[in-house]
C-alpha atoms as a PDB file:
ATOM      1  CA  MET A   1     -58.264  42.762 114.186  1.00  0.00           C
ATOM      2  CA  GLU A   2     -57.082  42.628 110.571  1.00  0.00           C
ATOM      3  CA  LYS A   3     -54.620  45.115 109.253  1.00  0.00           C
ATOM      4  CA  THR A   4     -56.595  48.304 108.180  1.00  0.00           C
ATOM      5  CA  LYS A   5     -56.255  49.810 104.572  1.00  0.00           C
ATOM      6  CA  TYR A   6     -57.283  53.317 105.128  1.00  0.00           C
ATOM      7  CA  ILE A   7     -57.401  53.977 108.945  1.00  0.00           C
ATOM      8  CA  TYR A   8     -54.130  54.074 110.781  1.00  0.00           C
ATOM      9  CA  GLY A   9     -53.064  54.887 114.422  1.00  0.00           C
ATOM     10  CA  PRO A  10     -53.789  56.552 116.671  1.00  0.00           C
ATOM     11  CA  VAL A  11     -50.531  58.331 116.305  1.00  0.00           C
ATOM     12  CA  PRO A  12     -49.003  61.253 118.317  1.00  0.00           C
ATOM     13  CA  SER A  13     -49.496  64.346 116.455  1.00  0.00           C
ATOM     14  CA  ARG A  14     -47.205  67.603 117.340  1.00  0.00           C
ATOM     15  CA  ARG A  15     -50.196  69.927 116.822  1.00  0.00           C
ATOM     16  CA  LEU A  16     -53.415  67.824 117.329  1.00  0.00           C
ATOM     17  CA  GLY A  17     -52.482  65.570 120.212  1.00  0.00           C
ATOM     18  CA  ILE A  18     -53.500  61.642 119.680  1.00  0.00           C
ATOM     19  CA  SER A  19     -54.732  61.420 115.881  1.00  0.00           C
ATOM     20  CA  LEU A  20     -56.793  58.888 114.273  1.00  0.00           C
ATOM     21  CA  GLY A  21     -55.640  58.871 110.626  1.00  0.00           C
ATOM     22  CA  VAL A  22     -57.652  58.502 107.602  1.00  0.00           C
ATOM     23  CA  SER A  23     -55.892  57.933 104.382  1.00  0.00           C
ATOM     24  CA  PRO A  24     -57.940  58.300 101.210  1.00  0.00           C
ATOM     25  CA  ILE A  25     -54.980  58.499  98.797  1.00  0.00           C
ATOM     26  CA  PRO A  26     -52.590  55.839  97.295  1.00  0.00           C
ATOM     27  CA  LYS A  27     -49.080  55.962  98.835  1.00  0.00           C
ATOM     28  CA  LYS A  28     -46.945  58.885  97.485  1.00  0.00           C
ATOM     29  CA  THR A  29     -49.683  60.440  95.263  1.00  0.00           C
ATOM     30  CA  CYS A  30     -49.335  64.237  95.428  1.00  0.00           C
ATOM     31  CA  ASN A  31     -49.279  67.282  93.298  1.00  0.00           C
ATOM     32  CA  TYR A  32     -46.267  68.274  95.152  1.00  0.00           C
ATOM     33  CA  SER A  33     -42.830  66.505  95.469  1.00  0.00           C
ATOM     34  CA  CYS A  34     -41.456  68.533  98.497  1.00  0.00           C
ATOM     35  CA  ILE A  35     -37.876  68.400  99.153  1.00  0.00           C
ATOM     36  CA  TYR A  36     -38.416  67.905 102.839  1.00  0.00           C
ATOM     37  CA  CYS A  37     -41.149  65.223 102.651  1.00  0.00           C
ATOM     38  CA  GLN A  38     -40.642  62.573 105.251  1.00  0.00           C
ATOM     39  CA  LEU A  39     -42.263  59.916 102.967  1.00  0.00           C
ATOM     40  CA  GLY A  40     -39.640  60.625 100.346  1.00  0.00           C
ATOM     41  CA  ARG A  41     -40.040  61.748  96.777  1.00  0.00           C
ATOM     42  CA  THR A  42     -43.580  61.549  95.280  1.00  0.00           C
ATOM     43  CA  LYS A  43     -43.989  58.609  92.868  1.00  0.00           C
ATOM     44  CA  HIS A  44     -47.295  59.574  91.403  1.00  0.00           C
ATOM     45  CA  MET A  45     -47.485  63.229  90.446  1.00  0.00           C
ATOM     46  CA  THR A  46     -51.085  64.291  89.427  1.00  0.00           C
ATOM     47  CA  ASN A  47     -53.453  67.331  89.893  1.00  0.00           C
ATOM     48  CA  SER A  48     -56.488  65.533  88.788  1.00  0.00           C
ATOM     49  CA  ARG A  49     -58.976  64.778  91.703  1.00  0.00           C
ATOM     50  CA  THR A  50     -59.959  61.184  91.611  1.00  0.00           C
ATOM     51  CA  MET A  51     -62.248  58.751  93.282  1.00  0.00           C
ATOM     52  CA  PHE A  52     -59.130  56.468  94.319  1.00  0.00           C
ATOM     53  CA  PHE A  53     -61.122  54.407  96.838  1.00  0.00           C
ATOM     54  CA  ASP A  54     -64.654  53.652  97.585  1.00  0.00           C
ATOM     55  CA  THR A  55     -65.989  56.142 100.225  1.00  0.00           C
ATOM     56  CA  ASP A  56     -68.207  53.298 101.822  1.00  0.00           C
ATOM     57  CA  GLU A  57     -65.112  51.086 102.371  1.00  0.00           C
ATOM     58  CA  ILE A  58     -63.271  53.975 104.127  1.00  0.00           C
ATOM     59  CA  ILE A  59     -66.196  54.569 106.440  1.00  0.00           C
ATOM     60  CA  ARG A  60     -66.833  50.879 107.136  1.00  0.00           C
ATOM     61  CA  GLU A  61     -63.334  50.531 108.256  1.00  0.00           C
ATOM     62  CA  LEU A  62     -63.488  53.577 110.456  1.00  0.00           C
ATOM     63  CA  GLU A  63     -66.579  52.209 112.110  1.00  0.00           C
ATOM     64  CA  ASP A  64     -64.652  49.112 112.677  1.00  0.00           C
ATOM     65  CA  VAL A  65     -61.885  50.822 114.241  1.00  0.00           C
ATOM     66  CA  ILE A  66     -63.947  53.059 116.547  1.00  0.00           C
ATOM     67  CA  LEU A  67     -65.919  49.894 117.914  1.00  0.00           C
ATOM     68  CA  ASN A  68     -62.374  48.754 119.531  1.00  0.00           C
ATOM     69  CA  SER A  69     -62.789  52.049 121.856  1.00  0.00           C
ATOM     70  CA  VAL A  70     -59.317  53.209 121.040  1.00  0.00           C
ATOM     71  CA  TYR A  71     -58.636  56.603 122.501  1.00  0.00           C
ATOM     72  CA  TYR A  72     -58.066  59.498 120.271  1.00  0.00           C
ATOM     73  CA  ASP A  73     -58.433  63.417 120.407  1.00  0.00           C
ATOM     74  CA  VAL A  74     -59.021  64.109 116.686  1.00  0.00           C
ATOM     75  CA  VAL A  75     -59.857  62.177 113.483  1.00  0.00           C
ATOM     76  CA  THR A  76     -57.130  63.502 110.901  1.00  0.00           C
ATOM     77  CA  ILE A  77     -57.610  63.180 107.008  1.00  0.00           C
ATOM     78  CA  VAL A  78     -54.085  63.233 105.817  1.00  0.00           C
ATOM     79  CA  GLY A  79     -53.136  60.199 103.830  1.00  0.00           C
ATOM     80  CA  GLU A  80     -49.942  59.233 102.335  1.00  0.00           C
ATOM     81  CA  GLY A  81     -50.146  62.004  99.557  1.00  0.00           C
ATOM     82  CA  GLU A  82     -52.552  64.960  99.077  1.00  0.00           C
ATOM     83  CA  PRO A  83     -55.946  64.460 100.671  1.00  0.00           C
ATOM     84  CA  THR A  84     -57.756  67.186  98.523  1.00  0.00           C
ATOM     85  CA  LEU A  85     -56.997  65.008  95.486  1.00  0.00           C
ATOM     86  CA  TYR A  86     -59.657  62.510  96.785  1.00  0.00           C
ATOM     87  CA  LEU A  87     -62.718  63.353  94.834  1.00  0.00           C
ATOM     88  CA  GLY A  88     -64.808  61.972  97.818  1.00  0.00           C
ATOM     89  CA  LEU A  89     -63.433  64.180 100.425  1.00  0.00           C
ATOM     90  CA  GLY A  90     -66.585  66.151 101.275  1.00  0.00           C
ATOM     91  CA  GLU A  91     -68.497  63.020 101.513  1.00  0.00           C
ATOM     92  CA  ILE A  92     -66.108  61.249 103.945  1.00  0.00           C
ATOM     93  CA  ILE A  93     -65.811  64.683 105.917  1.00  0.00           C
ATOM     94  CA  SER A  94     -69.684  64.555 106.384  1.00  0.00           C
ATOM     95  CA  GLU A  95     -69.892  60.797 107.215  1.00  0.00           C
ATOM     96  CA  ILE A  96     -67.016  60.964 109.667  1.00  0.00           C
ATOM     97  CA  LYS A  97     -68.822  63.866 111.474  1.00  0.00           C
ATOM     98  CA  LYS A  98     -71.938  61.725 111.712  1.00  0.00           C
ATOM     99  CA  ARG A  99     -70.061  59.167 113.679  1.00  0.00           C
ATOM    100  CA  VAL A 100     -67.647  60.849 115.947  1.00  0.00           C
ATOM    101  CA  THR A 101     -67.866  63.723 118.490  1.00  0.00           C
ATOM    102  CA  LYS A 102     -64.206  64.551 118.348  1.00  0.00           C
ATOM    103  CA  PRO A 103     -62.966  67.493 115.714  1.00  0.00           C
ATOM    104  CA  VAL A 104     -62.355  66.370 112.293  1.00  0.00           C
ATOM    105  CA  ALA A 105     -59.038  67.936 110.798  1.00  0.00           C
ATOM    106  CA  VAL A 106     -57.654  68.024 107.281  1.00  0.00           C
ATOM    107  CA  ILE A 107     -53.818  68.446 106.751  1.00  0.00           C
ATOM    108  CA  THR A 108     -53.355  69.750 103.373  1.00  0.00           C
ATOM    109  CA  ASN A 109     -50.354  71.344 101.097  1.00  0.00           C
ATOM    110  CA  GLY A 110     -53.051  73.834 100.146  1.00  0.00           C
ATOM    111  CA  ALA A 111     -52.401  73.530  96.517  1.00  0.00           C
ATOM    112  CA  LEU A 112     -56.140  73.324  95.588  1.00  0.00           C
ATOM    113  CA  LEU A 113     -57.612  75.761  97.866  1.00  0.00           C
ATOM    114  CA  TYR A 114     -58.408  77.933  94.900  1.00  0.00           C
ATOM    115  CA  ASP A 115     -60.851  75.372  93.654  1.00  0.00           C
ATOM    116  CA  LYS A 116     -64.153  76.222  94.684  1.00  0.00           C
ATOM    117  CA  ALA A 117     -65.430  72.729  95.045  1.00  0.00           C
ATOM    118  CA  VAL A 118     -62.691  71.894  97.398  1.00  0.00           C
ATOM    119  CA  GLN A 119     -63.215  74.931  99.308  1.00  0.00           C
ATOM    120  CA  GLN A 120     -66.914  73.830  99.866  1.00  0.00           C
ATOM    121  CA  GLU A 121     -65.857  70.325 100.867  1.00  0.00           C
ATOM    122  CA  LEU A 122     -63.266  71.585 103.330  1.00  0.00           C
ATOM    123  CA  LEU A 123     -65.677  74.095 105.057  1.00  0.00           C
ATOM    124  CA  GLN A 124     -67.250  71.043 106.808  1.00  0.00           C
ATOM    125  CA  ALA A 125     -64.104  70.221 108.592  1.00  0.00           C
ATOM    126  CA  ASP A 126     -63.432  71.667 112.274  1.00  0.00           C
ATOM    127  CA  ILE A 127     -59.616  72.265 111.676  1.00  0.00           C
ATOM    128  CA  ILE A 128     -57.653  72.783 108.253  1.00  0.00           C
ATOM    129  CA  LEU A 129     -53.944  72.683 108.398  1.00  0.00           C
ATOM    130  CA  PRO A 130     -52.452  74.144 105.072  1.00  0.00           C
ATOM    131  CA  SER A 131     -48.792  74.545 104.443  1.00  0.00           C
ATOM    132  CA  MET A 132     -47.318  77.671 103.073  1.00  0.00           C
ATOM    133  CA  ASP A 133     -43.560  77.034 102.683  1.00  0.00           C
ATOM    134  CA  ALA A 134     -42.928  79.269  99.637  1.00  0.00           C
ATOM    135  CA  PHE A 135     -42.890  82.859  99.347  1.00  0.00           C
ATOM    136  CA  ASP A 136     -42.726  83.414  95.583  1.00  0.00           C
ATOM    137  CA  GLU A 137     -42.692  81.459  92.316  1.00  0.00           C
ATOM    138  CA  ASP A 138     -39.051  80.560  92.391  1.00  0.00           C
ATOM    139  CA  SER A 139     -39.158  79.340  95.874  1.00  0.00           C
ATOM    140  CA  PHE A 140     -42.400  77.510  95.131  1.00  0.00           C
ATOM    141  CA  VAL A 141     -40.601  75.388  92.397  1.00  0.00           C
ATOM    142  CA  LYS A 142     -37.485  74.847  94.514  1.00  0.00           C
ATOM    143  CA  ILE A 143     -39.175  73.779  97.927  1.00  0.00           C
ATOM    144  CA  ASN A 144     -42.589  72.176  96.701  1.00  0.00           C
ATOM    145  CA  ARG A 145     -41.652  71.121  93.134  1.00  0.00           C
ATOM    146  CA  PRO A 146     -45.544  71.310  92.260  1.00  0.00           C
ATOM    147  CA  TYR A 147     -47.233  69.730  89.379  1.00  0.00           C
ATOM    148  CA  LYS A 148     -46.451  71.534  86.171  1.00  0.00           C
ATOM    149  CA  SER A 149     -49.727  73.265  85.877  1.00  0.00           C
ATOM    150  CA  ILE A 150     -49.733  74.630  89.467  1.00  0.00           C
ATOM    151  CA  LYS A 151     -48.732  78.176  89.937  1.00  0.00           C
ATOM    152  CA  TYR A 152     -47.792  79.951  93.119  1.00  0.00           C
ATOM    153  CA  ARG A 153     -49.999  83.028  92.867  1.00  0.00           C
ATOM    154  CA  ASP A 154     -52.908  80.650  92.464  1.00  0.00           C
ATOM    155  CA  VAL A 155     -52.145  78.663  95.483  1.00  0.00           C
ATOM    156  CA  TYR A 156     -51.539  81.711  97.548  1.00  0.00           C
ATOM    157  CA  SER A 157     -54.634  83.667  96.427  1.00  0.00           C
ATOM    158  CA  GLY A 158     -56.652  80.395  97.033  1.00  0.00           C
ATOM    159  CA  LEU A 159     -55.304  80.281 100.742  1.00  0.00           C
ATOM    160  CA  VAL A 160     -56.102  83.994 101.317  1.00  0.00           C
ATOM    161  CA  THR A 161     -59.733  83.559  99.902  1.00  0.00           C
ATOM    162  CA  PHE A 162     -60.346  80.300 101.857  1.00  0.00           C
ATOM    163  CA  SER A 163     -59.006  81.975 105.036  1.00  0.00           C
ATOM    164  CA  LYS A 164     -61.704  84.467 104.712  1.00  0.00           C
ATOM    165  CA  ILE A 165     -64.572  82.195 104.221  1.00  0.00           C
ATOM    166  CA  TYR A 166     -63.778  79.191 106.669  1.00  0.00           C
ATOM    167  CA  GLN A 167     -65.261  79.329 109.985  1.00  0.00           C
ATOM    168  CA  GLY A 168     -63.287  76.671 111.670  1.00  0.00           C
ATOM    169  CA  GLN A 169     -59.810  76.659 112.976  1.00  0.00           C
ATOM    170  CA  LEU A 170     -56.969  77.392 110.417  1.00  0.00           C
ATOM    171  CA  TRP A 171     -53.696  76.519 111.391  1.00  0.00           C
ATOM    172  CA  LEU A 172     -50.820  77.366 109.136  1.00  0.00           C
ATOM    173  CA  GLU A 173     -47.520  75.696 108.838  1.00  0.00           C
ATOM    174  CA  ILE A 174     -44.181  76.952 107.200  1.00  0.00           C
ATOM    175  CA  MET A 175     -41.368  74.462 106.966  1.00  0.00           C
ATOM    176  CA  PHE A 176     -37.919  76.129 107.320  1.00  0.00           C
ATOM    177  CA  MET A 177     -34.665  74.871 105.961  1.00  0.00           C
ATOM    178  CA  GLU A 178     -31.158  76.102 106.524  1.00  0.00           C
ATOM    179  CA  GLY A 179     -30.006  78.243 103.522  1.00  0.00           C
ATOM    180  CA  VAL A 180     -33.483  77.907 101.611  1.00  0.00           C
ATOM    181  CA  ASN A 181     -35.917  80.126 103.227  1.00  0.00           C
ATOM    182  CA  GLU A 182     -34.884  81.369 106.743  1.00  0.00           C
ATOM    183  CA  SER A 183     -32.882  84.534 106.017  1.00  0.00           C
ATOM    184  CA  ASP A 184     -33.977  87.955 107.331  1.00  0.00           C
ATOM    185  CA  ILE A 185     -35.141  89.174 103.964  1.00  0.00           C
ATOM    186  CA  VAL A 186     -37.293  85.935 103.352  1.00  0.00           C
ATOM    187  CA  LEU A 187     -38.846  86.416 106.943  1.00  0.00           C
ATOM    188  CA  GLU A 188     -39.884  89.889 105.921  1.00  0.00           C
ATOM    189  CA  LYS A 189     -41.586  88.454 102.828  1.00  0.00           C
ATOM    190  CA  TYR A 190     -43.330  85.810 104.814  1.00  0.00           C
ATOM    191  CA  ALA A 191     -44.527  88.544 107.366  1.00  0.00           C
ATOM    192  CA  GLY A 192     -46.087  90.418 104.435  1.00  0.00           C
ATOM    193  CA  LEU A 193     -47.746  87.349 103.078  1.00  0.00           C
ATOM    194  CA  LEU A 194     -49.199  86.424 106.370  1.00  0.00           C
ATOM    195  CA  ARG A 195     -50.808  89.717 106.874  1.00  0.00           C
ATOM    196  CA  LYS A 196     -53.423  89.017 104.056  1.00  0.00           C
ATOM    197  CA  ILE A 197     -54.432  85.504 105.691  1.00  0.00           C
ATOM    198  CA  LYS A 198     -57.032  85.075 108.442  1.00  0.00           C
ATOM    199  CA  TYR A 199     -55.426  82.243 110.444  1.00  0.00           C
ATOM    200  CA  ASP A 200     -55.782  81.046 114.059  1.00  0.00           C
ATOM    201  CA  ARG A 201     -52.423  79.527 114.585  1.00  0.00           C
ATOM    202  CA  LEU A 202     -49.106  79.647 112.870  1.00  0.00           C
ATOM    203  CA  TYR A 203     -46.766  76.569 113.359  1.00  0.00           C
ATOM    204  CA  LEU A 204     -43.058  76.866 112.351  1.00  0.00           C
ATOM    205  CA  ASN A 205     -41.281  73.719 111.655  1.00  0.00           C
ATOM    206  CA  THR A 206     -37.987  72.292 110.447  1.00  0.00           C
ATOM    207  CA  PRO A 207     -37.408  68.715 109.237  1.00  0.00           C
ATOM    208  CA  VAL A 208     -36.878  66.450 112.301  1.00  0.00           C
ATOM    209  CA  ARG A 209     -37.392  63.307 110.116  1.00  0.00           C
ATOM    210  CA  PRO A 210     -35.315  62.383 107.208  1.00  0.00           C
ATOM    211  CA  PRO A 211     -36.161  64.571 104.205  1.00  0.00           C
ATOM    212  CA  ALA A 212     -36.744  63.447 100.497  1.00  0.00           C
ATOM    213  CA  GLU A 213     -33.463  65.156  99.541  1.00  0.00           C
ATOM    214  CA  PRO A 214     -30.255  64.506 101.435  1.00  0.00           C
ATOM    215  CA  ASP A 215     -28.989  68.139 101.273  1.00  0.00           C
ATOM    216  CA  VAL A 216     -31.838  69.496 103.117  1.00  0.00           C
ATOM    217  CA  ARG A 217     -30.502  71.005 106.494  1.00  0.00           C
ATOM    218  CA  VAL A 218     -32.384  71.722 109.554  1.00  0.00           C
ATOM    219  CA  VAL A 219     -32.583  75.067 111.121  1.00  0.00           C
ATOM    220  CA  SER A 220     -30.780  75.619 114.490  1.00  0.00           C
ATOM    221  CA  ASN A 221     -32.991  75.846 117.579  1.00  0.00           C
ATOM    222  CA  LYS A 222     -31.470  79.443 118.269  1.00  0.00           C
ATOM    223  CA  ARG A 223     -32.651  80.540 114.619  1.00  0.00           C
ATOM    224  CA  MET A 224     -35.968  78.869 115.148  1.00  0.00           C
ATOM    225  CA  LYS A 225     -36.537  80.768 118.082  1.00  0.00           C
ATOM    226  CA  TYR A 226     -35.883  83.996 116.374  1.00  0.00           C
ATOM    227  CA  ILE A 227     -38.092  82.988 113.577  1.00  0.00           C
ATOM    228  CA  SER A 228     -40.972  82.263 115.976  1.00  0.00           C
ATOM    229  CA  GLU A 229     -40.227  85.506 117.700  1.00  0.00           C
ATOM    230  CA  THR A 230     -40.162  87.484 114.434  1.00  0.00           C
ATOM    231  CA  LEU A 231     -43.441  85.769 112.723  1.00  0.00           C
ATOM    232  CA  ARG A 232     -45.206  85.418 116.005  1.00  0.00           C
ATOM    233  CA  GLY A 233     -45.542  81.691 115.505  1.00  0.00           C
ATOM    234  CA  ILE A 234     -45.206  78.311 117.409  1.00  0.00           C
ATOM    235  CA  ALA A 235     -41.918  76.790 116.718  1.00  0.00           C
ATOM    236  CA  ILE A 236     -42.302  72.774 116.848  1.00  0.00           C
ATOM    237  CA  ASP A 237     -39.456  70.772 117.968  1.00  0.00           C
ATOM    238  CA  LEU A 238     -39.968  67.083 118.244  1.00  0.00           C
ATOM    239  CA  LEU A 239     -37.483  64.102 118.184  1.00  0.00           C
ATOM    240  CA  SER A 240     -39.532  61.404 119.952  1.00  0.00           C
ATOM    241  CA  SER A 241     -43.119  60.881 120.735  1.00  0.00           C
ATOM    242  CA  ASP A 242     -45.338  58.388 122.802  1.00  0.00           C
ATOM    243  CA  GLY A 243     -48.741  57.585 121.862  1.00  0.00           C
ATOM    244  CA  PHE A 244     -48.340  55.338 118.902  1.00  0.00           C
ATOM    245  CA  TYR A 245     -50.967  52.548 118.502  1.00  0.00           C
ATOM    246  CA  SER A 246     -51.739  49.584 116.298  1.00  0.00           C
ATOM    247  CA  GLU A 247     -54.416  47.085 116.535  1.00  0.00           C
ATOM    248  CA  ILE A 248     -52.046  44.452 115.168  1.00  0.00           C
ATOM    249  CA  GLU A 249     -51.139  41.811 117.781  1.00  0.00           C
ATOM    250  CA  ASP A 250     -47.916  40.894 116.083  1.00  0.00           C
ATOM    251  CA  ASP A 251     -45.249  43.200 117.316  1.00  0.00           C
ATOM    252  CA  TYR A 252     -43.333  43.265 114.007  1.00  0.00           C
ATOM    253  CA  GLY A 253     -46.586  43.549 112.068  1.00  0.00           C
ATOM    254  CA  ALA A 254     -47.587  46.474 114.064  1.00  0.00           C
ATOM    255  CA  VAL A 255     -44.335  48.495 113.667  1.00  0.00           C
ATOM    256  CA  ILE A 256     -44.415  47.796 109.815  1.00  0.00           C
ATOM    257  CA  SER A 257     -48.186  48.903 109.858  1.00  0.00           C
ATOM    258  CA  ILE A 258     -47.128  52.313 111.293  1.00  0.00           C
ATOM    259  CA  ILE A 259     -43.778  53.062 109.538  1.00  0.00           C
ATOM    260  CA  ASN A 260     -45.758  52.471 106.354  1.00  0.00           C
ATOM    261  CA  ARG A 261     -47.515  55.826 106.838  1.00  0.00           C
ATOM    262  CA  HIS A 262     -45.401  57.524 109.584  1.00  0.00           C
ATOM    263  CA  PRO A 263     -41.734  57.138 109.869  1.00  0.00           C
ATOM    264  CA  MET A 264     -40.477  56.381 113.395  1.00  0.00           C
ATOM    265  CA  ASN A 265     -37.066  56.967 114.896  1.00  0.00           C
ATOM    266  CA  GLN A 266     -35.361  54.319 117.095  1.00  0.00           C
ATOM    267  CA  PHE A 267     -36.475  55.742 120.223  1.00  0.00           C
ATOM    268  CA  GLU A 268     -40.297  55.958 118.995  1.00  0.00           C
ATOM    269  CA  ILE A 269     -40.151  52.368 118.221  1.00  0.00           C
ATOM    270  CA  GLU A 270     -38.519  51.315 121.468  1.00  0.00           C
ATOM    271  CA  ASN A 271     -41.013  53.328 123.466  1.00  0.00           C
ATOM    272  CA  PHE A 272     -43.789  51.766 121.367  1.00  0.00           C
ATOM    273  CA  LEU A 273     -42.579  48.157 121.875  1.00  0.00           C
ATOM    274  CA  LYS A 274     -42.120  48.584 125.647  1.00  0.00           C
ATOM    275  CA  ASN A 275     -45.579  49.996 126.090  1.00  0.00           C
ATOM    276  CA  ARG A 276     -46.857  46.729 124.597  1.00  0.00           C
ATOM    277  CA  LYS A 277     -44.793  44.813 126.888  1.00  0.00           C
ATOM    278  CA  GLY A 278     -43.311  41.276 126.499  1.00  0.00           C
ATOM    279  CA  SER A 279     -41.753  42.421 122.876  1.00  0.00           C
ATOM    280  CA  ASN A 280     -38.208  41.289 122.074  1.00  0.00           C
ATOM    281  CA  ILE A 281     -36.963  44.702 121.300  1.00  0.00           C
ATOM    282  CA  ALA A 282     -33.540  43.572 119.894  1.00  0.00           C
ATOM    283  CA  GLU A 283     -35.005  40.938 117.597  1.00  0.00           C
ATOM    284  CA  ILE A 284     -37.403  43.651 116.221  1.00  0.00           C
ATOM    285  CA  PHE A 285     -34.800  46.093 115.414  1.00  0.00           C
ATOM    286  CA  HIS A 286     -32.697  43.081 113.543  1.00  0.00           C
ATOM    287  CA  ARG A 287     -35.683  42.175 111.396  1.00  0.00           C
ATOM    288  CA  LEU A 288     -36.132  45.721 110.601  1.00  0.00           C
ATOM    289  CA  ILE A 289     -32.532  46.280 109.522  1.00  0.00           C
ATOM    290  CA  VAL A 290     -32.469  43.324 107.552  1.00  0.00           C
ATOM    291  CA  ASP A 291     -36.018  43.845 105.927  1.00  0.00           C
ATOM    292  CA  LYS A 292     -35.399  44.810 102.217  1.00  0.00           C
ATOM    293  CA  GLU A 293     -38.743  46.793 102.328  1.00  0.00           C
ATOM    294  CA  VAL A 294     -37.436  48.973 105.284  1.00  0.00           C
ATOM    295  CA  VAL A 295     -35.200  51.953 104.606  1.00  0.00           C
ATOM    296  CA  VAL A 296     -33.035  52.881 107.633  1.00  0.00           C
ATOM    297  CA  VAL A 297     -31.953  56.686 107.347  1.00  0.00           C
ATOM    298  CA  LYS A 298     -29.505  58.104 109.760  1.00  0.00           C
ATOM    299  CA  TYR A 299     -30.440  61.751 110.343  1.00  0.00           C
ATOM    300  CA  MET A 300     -29.692  64.067 113.364  1.00  0.00           C
ATOM    301  CA  GLY A 301     -27.967  61.362 115.145  1.00  0.00           C
ATOM    302  CA  TYR A 302     -30.875  58.953 115.034  1.00  0.00           C
ATOM    303  CA  ASP A 303     -31.856  55.918 113.036  1.00  0.00           C
ATOM    304  CA  THR A 304     -35.369  56.557 111.274  1.00  0.00           C
ATOM    305  CA  PHE A 305     -37.268  53.742 109.712  1.00  0.00           C
ATOM    306  CA  ARG A 306     -39.848  53.976 106.967  1.00  0.00           C
ATOM    307  CA  LEU A 307     -41.051  51.770 104.090  1.00  0.00           C
ATOM    308  CA  ARG A 308     -39.897  52.210 100.565  1.00  0.00           C
END
């Protein structure tokens, strides 16, 4: 099967199991440029909703992938930027649900949840996973570095409003970074903000993959345990995963197709290649290291590979 343009995976998800991804956004196109983003800094900052790609093309590609009978637990619209910027989001959610029996999830930074059109489109999805990293305007600017016209009060208000009209599963996520947003005073602020939101799960994370900015530091396991107890959330701790899949037969091409959208550390790549059997793992790693389009980042004692 040829390399897919809009559909990727399935890949292991810390929250969703085995996820078949749908990417309706050009790479690094977002209305945030978060300091912790695993894809690196945003290259195309925008807050205008656009029909970046043809909806029919996305759905046709999904149909082709489904015909291969790959296993997945959920279809996840996430992309390589912010999926709510895609003007055809409501249509692709609707069309996906006509073709699959598994849940349809949307991972979003939540920036456009104040937009009533976006709200209506997202109501069709089974699971919405918005981020809520900031606790006020200053932290919003520092952590998420939003498009200039986006204000924290609108983003938070939109999240509160959407949470009360949405009938599916709302799973919040907060990314914690040492010295940025994990003090006791800040945790009290989060607790107050969370009381106004109707959510089903709260995931608490810290950057386990190389962040956009090198000075971003992970929160210790001990501190994350305290945070999870304080906010009554679920702490995510993942360094390696099984379950990566690519329809591409060539081993090197398969690895490239994954890290183009989902950075992998050395152990994830090794496990992926072992599961394919017959791979020359040493040769693949050598090619990755000398490939000028591949970035190798040493982080938390691991080598993580992603495309430029």
